[in-house]
């Protein structure tokens, strides 16, 4: 299967980001079925917020 770059709109900030063909291939190799819904910056922020929440418990 050949992949092509895909433009996605981040569900948190609304900015467009590219889900590259290389990233799509990586997702397939790892068995991930859903494409990302957040841009890289928002994924980093979400991960940091979850880690902070878990550290408070």
Protein backbone atom coordinates (compact mmCIF):
# COMPACT_ATOMS: atom_id res chain seq x y z
CA UNK A 1 0.00 0.00 0.00
CA UNK A 2 1.35 3.40 -0.95
CA UNK A 3 0.77 6.32 1.37
CA UNK A 4 0.54 10.01 0.52
CA UNK A 5 0.82 13.02 2.81
CA UNK A 6 -2.52 13.99 4.30
CA UNK A 7 -3.59 17.32 5.82
CA UNK A 8 -5.59 17.04 9.05
CA UNK A 9 -7.16 19.75 11.23
CA UNK A 10 -6.22 19.53 14.93
CA UNK A 11 -9.29 19.00 17.12
CA UNK A 12 -7.81 21.13 19.93
CA UNK A 13 -6.28 24.20 18.28
CA UNK A 14 -7.84 24.03 14.81
CA UNK A 15 -4.51 24.32 12.97
CA UNK A 16 -3.80 22.16 9.96
CA UNK A 17 -0.95 19.67 10.17
CA UNK A 18 0.48 17.09 7.81
CA UNK A 19 0.17 13.39 8.57
CA UNK A 20 3.08 12.32 6.38
CA UNK A 21 3.28 9.16 4.31
CA UNK A 22 6.18 8.03 6.51
CA UNK A 23 4.09 8.55 9.68
CA UNK A 24 1.18 6.64 8.13
CA UNK A 25 3.49 3.73 7.34
CA UNK A 26 4.76 3.78 10.94
CA UNK A 27 1.19 3.75 12.29
CA UNK A 28 0.37 0.74 10.09
CA UNK A 29 3.49 -1.14 11.22
CA UNK A 30 2.53 -0.57 14.86
CA UNK A 31 -1.04 -1.73 14.23
CA UNK A 32 -2.54 1.69 14.97
CA UNK A 33 -5.85 1.99 13.15
CA UNK A 34 -6.78 5.64 13.79
CA UNK A 35 -4.99 8.65 12.45
CA UNK A 36 -3.97 11.41 14.88
CA UNK A 37 -6.58 13.99 15.85
CA UNK A 38 -4.13 16.48 17.37
CA UNK A 39 -1.07 18.29 16.00
CA UNK A 40 2.31 17.54 17.55
CA UNK A 41 2.20 20.59 19.87
CA UNK A 42 -1.25 19.68 21.20
CA UNK A 43 -0.24 16.02 21.67
CA UNK A 44 2.74 17.18 23.76
CA UNK A 45 0.50 19.49 25.84
CA UNK A 46 -2.09 16.74 26.39
CA UNK A 47 0.59 14.24 27.43
CA UNK A 48 2.11 16.76 29.88
CA UNK A 49 -1.33 17.51 31.38
CA UNK A 50 -2.03 13.79 31.85
CA UNK A 51 1.37 13.24 33.48
CA UNK A 52 0.79 16.20 35.82
CA UNK A 53 -2.64 14.86 36.73
CA UNK A 54 -1.20 11.40 37.44
CA UNK A 55 1.59 12.87 39.58
CA UNK A 56 -0.96 14.67 41.80
CA UNK A 57 -2.67 11.39 42.70
